[in-house]
C-alpha atoms as a PDB file:
ATOM      1  CA  ALA A   1      13.326 -12.580 -23.078  1.00  0.00           C
ATOM      2  CA  PHE A   2      15.249  -9.951 -20.559  1.00  0.00           C
ATOM      3  CA  PHE A   3      18.002 -10.248 -22.249  1.00  0.00           C
ATOM      4  CA  ASP A   4      17.710 -10.303 -25.954  1.00  0.00           C
ATOM      5  CA  ASN A   5      14.748  -6.990 -25.384  1.00  0.00           C
ATOM      6  CA  PRO A   6      16.186  -3.841 -23.965  1.00  0.00           C
ATOM      7  CA  ASP A   7      12.452  -2.839 -23.617  1.00  0.00           C
ATOM      8  CA  ALA A   8      11.592  -6.107 -21.637  1.00  0.00           C
ATOM      9  CA  GLY A   9      12.046  -4.611 -18.248  1.00  0.00           C
ATOM     10  CA  LEU A  10      10.670  -1.437 -19.236  1.00  0.00           C
ATOM     11  CA  GLU A  11       7.062  -3.696 -20.262  1.00  0.00           C
ATOM     12  CA  TYR A  12       7.687  -5.703 -16.966  1.00  0.00           C
ATOM     13  CA  GLU A  13       8.070  -3.254 -14.799  1.00  0.00           C
ATOM     14  CA  ALA A  14       4.496  -1.610 -17.106  1.00  0.00           C
ATOM     15  CA  ARG A  15       2.998  -4.363 -16.503  1.00  0.00           C
ATOM     16  CA  LEU A  16       3.622  -4.379 -12.396  1.00  0.00           C
ATOM     17  CA  ASP A  17       2.418  -0.525 -12.171  1.00  0.00           C
ATOM     18  CA  GLN A  18      -0.745  -1.374 -14.035  1.00  0.00           C
ATOM     19  CA  VAL A  19      -1.610  -3.893 -11.107  1.00  0.00           C
ATOM     20  CA  MET A  20      -0.835  -2.223  -8.377  1.00  0.00           C
ATOM     21  CA  ASP A  21      -2.396   0.915  -9.974  1.00  0.00           C
ATOM     22  CA  ARG A  22      -5.203  -1.123 -10.560  1.00  0.00           C
ATOM     23  CA  LEU A  23      -5.603  -2.478  -6.872  1.00  0.00           C
ATOM     24  CA  ALA A  24      -4.645   1.109  -5.554  1.00  0.00           C
ATOM     25  CA  ALA A  25      -7.455   2.580  -7.467  1.00  0.00           C
ATOM     26  CA  VAL A  26     -10.571   0.287  -5.971  1.00  0.00           C
ATOM     27  CA  GLN A  27     -12.799   2.880  -4.781  1.00  0.00           C
ATOM     28  CA  LYS A  28     -13.552   1.070  -1.732  1.00  0.00           C
ATOM     29  CA  PRO A  29     -10.347   0.754   1.119  1.00  0.00           C
ATOM     30  CA  THR A  30      -8.332  -2.087   0.283  1.00  0.00           C
ATOM     31  CA  ILE A  31      -6.517  -4.394   3.935  1.00  0.00           C
ATOM     32  CA  SER A  32      -3.404  -6.909   3.513  1.00  0.00           C
ATOM     33  CA  LEU A  33      -3.356  -9.905   5.967  1.00  0.00           C
ATOM     34  CA  ILE A  34       0.079 -10.897   5.709  1.00  0.00           C
ATOM     35  CA  ASP A  35       1.171 -14.451   6.952  1.00  0.00           C
ATOM     36  CA  GLY A  36       4.982 -15.402   5.838  1.00  0.00           C
ATOM     37  CA  PHE A  37       6.755 -13.823   3.823  1.00  0.00           C
ATOM     38  CA  ALA A  38       5.832 -10.867   1.418  1.00  0.00           C
ATOM     39  CA  LEU A  39       8.991 -10.744  -0.644  1.00  0.00           C
ATOM     40  CA  GLY A  40       9.237  -8.339  -3.891  1.00  0.00           C
ATOM     41  CA  GLY A  41       6.595  -7.915  -6.140  1.00  0.00           C
ATOM     42  CA  GLY A  42       4.609  -9.964  -3.107  1.00  0.00           C
ATOM     43  CA  LEU A  43       5.122  -6.708  -0.959  1.00  0.00           C
ATOM     44  CA  LEU A  44       4.511  -4.358  -3.725  1.00  0.00           C
ATOM     45  CA  LEU A  45       1.213  -5.634  -4.034  1.00  0.00           C
ATOM     46  CA  ALA A  46       0.470  -5.579   0.067  1.00  0.00           C
ATOM     47  CA  LEU A  47       1.987  -2.170  -0.339  1.00  0.00           C
ATOM     48  CA  SER A  48      -0.713  -0.948  -3.198  1.00  0.00           C
ATOM     49  CA  CYS A  49      -3.539  -1.727  -0.162  1.00  0.00           C
ATOM     50  CA  ASP A  50      -4.571   1.085   2.200  1.00  0.00           C
ATOM     51  CA  LEU A  51      -2.995  -1.128   4.927  1.00  0.00           C
ATOM     52  CA  ARG A  52      -1.380  -3.874   6.088  1.00  0.00           C
ATOM     53  CA  VAL A  53      -1.280  -6.326   8.965  1.00  0.00           C
ATOM     54  CA  ALA A  54       0.797  -8.719   9.565  1.00  0.00           C
ATOM     55  CA  THR A  55       1.822 -11.574  11.810  1.00  0.00           C
ATOM     56  CA  PRO A  56       4.815 -11.142  14.156  1.00  0.00           C
ATOM     57  CA  GLU A  57       6.197 -14.613  12.397  1.00  0.00           C
ATOM     58  CA  SER A  58       5.978 -11.969   8.987  1.00  0.00           C
ATOM     59  CA  LYS A  59       9.010 -11.169   6.963  1.00  0.00           C
ATOM     60  CA  LEU A  60       9.237  -8.733   4.349  1.00  0.00           C
ATOM     61  CA  SER A  61      11.934  -7.914   1.797  1.00  0.00           C
ATOM     62  CA  VAL A  62      12.853  -6.053  -1.471  1.00  0.00           C
ATOM     63  CA  PRO A  63      15.158  -8.394  -2.729  1.00  0.00           C
ATOM     64  CA  CYS A  64      16.489  -6.411  -5.776  1.00  0.00           C
ATOM     65  CA  VAL A  65      20.046  -6.034  -5.589  1.00  0.00           C
ATOM     66  CA  ARG A  66      19.958  -9.864  -4.782  1.00  0.00           C
ATOM     67  CA  LEU A  67      18.385 -10.488  -8.232  1.00  0.00           C
ATOM     68  CA  GLY A  68      20.245  -7.674 -10.297  1.00  0.00           C
ATOM     69  CA  ASN A  69      16.753  -5.558 -10.997  1.00  0.00           C
ATOM     70  CA  CYS A  70      15.258  -2.561  -9.937  1.00  0.00           C
ATOM     71  CA  LEU A  71      12.024  -1.437  -9.589  1.00  0.00           C
ATOM     72  CA  SER A  72       9.618   1.192 -11.590  1.00  0.00           C
ATOM     73  CA  MET A  73       9.635   4.669 -10.399  1.00  0.00           C
ATOM     74  CA  ALA A  74       6.581   4.276  -9.378  1.00  0.00           C
ATOM     75  CA  ASN A  75       7.430   1.748  -6.907  1.00  0.00           C
ATOM     76  CA  TYR A  76       9.972   4.031  -5.401  1.00  0.00           C
ATOM     77  CA  ALA A  77       8.186   6.742  -5.351  1.00  0.00           C
ATOM     78  CA  LYS A  78       5.614   4.609  -3.493  1.00  0.00           C
ATOM     79  CA  LEU A  79       8.431   3.295  -0.649  1.00  0.00           C
ATOM     80  CA  ILE A  80       9.636   6.616  -0.430  1.00  0.00           C
ATOM     81  CA  GLY A  81       6.851   8.063   0.269  1.00  0.00           C
ATOM     82  CA  LEU A  82       6.010   5.080   3.270  1.00  0.00           C
ATOM     83  CA  ILE A  83       9.293   5.415   4.667  1.00  0.00           C
ATOM     84  CA  GLY A  84      11.333   7.853   3.415  1.00  0.00           C
ATOM     85  CA  ALA A  85      14.358   8.025   1.530  1.00  0.00           C
ATOM     86  CA  ALA A  86      16.905   6.597   3.779  1.00  0.00           C
ATOM     87  CA  ARG A  87      14.449   3.689   4.537  1.00  0.00           C
ATOM     88  CA  THR A  88      14.300   2.958   1.158  1.00  0.00           C
ATOM     89  CA  LEU A  89      18.002   2.513   0.152  1.00  0.00           C
ATOM     90  CA  ASP A  90      18.490   1.316   3.088  1.00  0.00           C
ATOM     91  CA  LEU A  91      16.034  -2.240   2.037  1.00  0.00           C
ATOM     92  CA  VAL A  92      17.125  -1.840  -1.564  1.00  0.00           C
ATOM     93  CA  TYR A  93      20.304  -1.368  -1.082  1.00  0.00           C
ATOM     94  CA  THR A  94      20.924  -4.708   1.588  1.00  0.00           C
ATOM     95  CA  GLY A  95      18.279  -6.374   0.337  1.00  0.00           C
ATOM     96  CA  ARG A  96      17.884  -7.727   4.265  1.00  0.00           C
ATOM     97  CA  LEU A  97      14.755  -9.676   5.128  1.00  0.00           C
ATOM     98  CA  ILE A  98      13.307  -7.353   7.863  1.00  0.00           C
ATOM     99  CA  GLU A  99      11.122  -8.738  10.954  1.00  0.00           C
ATOM    100  CA  ALA A 100       6.933  -8.017  11.485  1.00  0.00           C
ATOM    101  CA  ALA A 101       7.909  -5.741  13.996  1.00  0.00           C
ATOM    102  CA  GLU A 102      10.547  -3.214  12.386  1.00  0.00           C
ATOM    103  CA  ALA A 103       8.248  -3.008   9.365  1.00  0.00           C
ATOM    104  CA  GLN A 104       5.776  -1.872  12.130  1.00  0.00           C
ATOM    105  CA  VAL A 105       8.214   1.048  12.947  1.00  0.00           C
ATOM    106  CA  MET A 106       9.396   2.026   9.249  1.00  0.00           C
ATOM    107  CA  GLY A 107       5.801   2.394   8.719  1.00  0.00           C
ATOM    108  CA  LEU A 108       5.319  -0.511   6.191  1.00  0.00           C
ATOM    109  CA  LEU A 109       2.581  -2.094   8.033  1.00  0.00           C
ATOM    110  CA  ASN A 110       0.169  -0.467  10.224  1.00  0.00           C
ATOM    111  CA  THR A 111      -0.620  -3.184  12.795  1.00  0.00           C
ATOM    112  CA  VAL A 112       1.075  -6.273  13.819  1.00  0.00           C
ATOM    113  CA  ILE A 113      -1.056  -9.193  15.431  1.00  0.00           C
ATOM    114  CA  PRO A 114      -0.687 -12.257  16.497  1.00  0.00           C
ATOM    115  CA  ARG A 115      -1.193 -15.493  13.864  1.00  0.00           C
ATOM    116  CA  ALA A 116      -4.326 -16.508  15.966  1.00  0.00           C
ATOM    117  CA  GLU A 117      -6.280 -13.431  16.021  1.00  0.00           C
ATOM    118  CA  ILE A 118      -5.414 -11.972  12.618  1.00  0.00           C
ATOM    119  CA  LYS A 119      -8.291 -12.635  11.011  1.00  0.00           C
ATOM    120  CA  ALA A 120     -10.505 -12.006  13.447  1.00  0.00           C
ATOM    121  CA  TYR A 121      -8.959  -8.785  13.824  1.00  0.00           C
ATOM    122  CA  VAL A 122      -9.040  -7.763  10.062  1.00  0.00           C
ATOM    123  CA  MET A 123     -12.600  -8.964  10.011  1.00  0.00           C
ATOM    124  CA  ASP A 124     -13.638  -6.378  12.539  1.00  0.00           C
ATOM    125  CA  LEU A 125     -11.181  -3.442  10.945  1.00  0.00           C
ATOM    126  CA  ALA A 126     -13.163  -4.298   7.458  1.00  0.00           C
ATOM    127  CA  ASP A 127     -16.104  -3.962   9.846  1.00  0.00           C
ATOM    128  CA  THR A 128     -15.889  -0.898  11.155  1.00  0.00           C
ATOM    129  CA  ILE A 129     -14.474   1.021   8.057  1.00  0.00           C
ATOM    130  CA  SER A 130     -17.842  -0.333   6.417  1.00  0.00           C
ATOM    131  CA  GLN A 131     -20.037   1.078   9.195  1.00  0.00           C
ATOM    132  CA  SER A 132     -18.189   4.360   8.581  1.00  0.00           C
ATOM    133  CA  ALA A 133     -19.288   7.249   6.145  1.00  0.00           C
ATOM    134  CA  PRO A 134     -19.190   5.750   2.974  1.00  0.00           C
ATOM    135  CA  ILE A 135     -18.060   9.191   1.181  1.00  0.00           C
ATOM    136  CA  THR A 136     -15.595  10.309   3.767  1.00  0.00           C
ATOM    137  CA  VAL A 137     -13.860   6.706   3.233  1.00  0.00           C
ATOM    138  CA  ARG A 138     -13.835   7.182  -0.728  1.00  0.00           C
ATOM    139  CA  ILE A 139     -13.048  10.796  -0.333  1.00  0.00           C
ATOM    140  CA  THR A 140     -10.142  10.018   2.160  1.00  0.00           C
ATOM    141  CA  LYS A 141      -8.688   7.508  -0.044  1.00  0.00           C
ATOM    142  CA  GLU A 142      -8.839   9.514  -3.059  1.00  0.00           C
ATOM    143  CA  ALA A 143      -7.332  12.356  -1.109  1.00  0.00           C
ATOM    144  CA  VAL A 144      -4.978  10.330  -0.248  1.00  0.00           C
ATOM    145  CA  ARG A 145      -4.148   8.941  -3.689  1.00  0.00           C
ATOM    146  CA  ARG A 146      -3.803  12.258  -4.349  1.00  0.00           C
ATOM    147  CA  LEU A 147      -1.741  14.083  -2.872  1.00  0.00           C
ATOM    148  CA  SER A 148       1.066  10.850  -3.266  1.00  0.00           C
ATOM    149  CA  SER A 149       0.858  11.427  -6.598  1.00  0.00           C
ATOM    150  CA  GLY A 150       1.930  14.841  -6.321  1.00  0.00           C
ATOM    151  CA  SER A 151      -1.445  16.328  -7.010  1.00  0.00           C
ATOM    152  CA  THR A 152      -3.228  18.852  -4.538  1.00  0.00           C
ATOM    153  CA  ALA A 153      -6.600  19.404  -5.909  1.00  0.00           C
ATOM    154  CA  GLY A 154      -9.135  18.087  -3.968  1.00  0.00           C
ATOM    155  CA  GLY A 155     -12.024  21.182  -3.955  1.00  0.00           C
ATOM    156  CA  ASP A 156     -14.466  18.336  -6.073  1.00  0.00           C
ATOM    157  CA  LEU A 157     -13.789  16.094  -3.428  1.00  0.00           C
ATOM    158  CA  ILE A 158     -14.669  18.202  -0.842  1.00  0.00           C
ATOM    159  CA  GLN A 159     -17.494  19.652  -2.806  1.00  0.00           C
ATOM    160  CA  ALA A 160     -18.702  15.973  -2.391  1.00  0.00           C
ATOM    161  CA  CYS A 161     -18.574  15.096   0.765  1.00  0.00           C
ATOM    162  CA  TYR A 162     -20.201  18.621   2.103  1.00  0.00           C
ATOM    163  CA  THR A 163     -22.572  18.337  -0.370  1.00  0.00           C
ATOM    164  CA  SER A 164     -23.547  14.369   0.547  1.00  0.00           C
ATOM    165  CA  LEU A 165     -26.698  12.562   2.410  1.00  0.00           C
ATOM    166  CA  ASP A 166     -23.886  10.856   4.368  1.00  0.00           C
ATOM    167  CA  PHE A 167     -22.763  14.277   5.987  1.00  0.00           C
ATOM    168  CA  GLN A 168     -26.736  15.963   6.094  1.00  0.00           C
ATOM    169  CA  GLU A 169     -27.802  12.562   8.371  1.00  0.00           C
ATOM    170  CA  GLY A 170     -24.664  12.994  10.180  1.00  0.00           C
ATOM    171  CA  ILE A 171     -25.489  16.890  11.363  1.00  0.00           C
ATOM    172  CA  ALA A 172     -29.126  15.471  11.512  1.00  0.00           C
END
């Protein structure tokens, strides 16, 4: 289908963008637990989550150069936003597998935790976030989403926080 239809690649990437956008648009915080390989679309799915935690054995890659395809502009932008242009070019040009420790240094992962402890760590992290002021968590997620897409509009977010019951309760 890709070879006969010049729009097939566009349609495929648009569908992937739709899926990633839906995950990124979830108002609650999302955490990706990576235990193994996160390659191509799997890595992009993890990058659409707010936080990424992996085991030391995990390996990540953007193997487009090996397949002869490419990412959507939105996914290139996501990578550049997380790790910068030079590192994005390195990952895409080489298609190399990177170890979890290097991925953390790059900014692809937030934390690397031993396999035996990772589920408990992620549950504790989720519990910590769930005990935080819900309005601040929601507003922060939306602010980061907007800024990542180039928008600096945020007056509505600030007003929502400062007029919230969460803020009144926090001050009290």
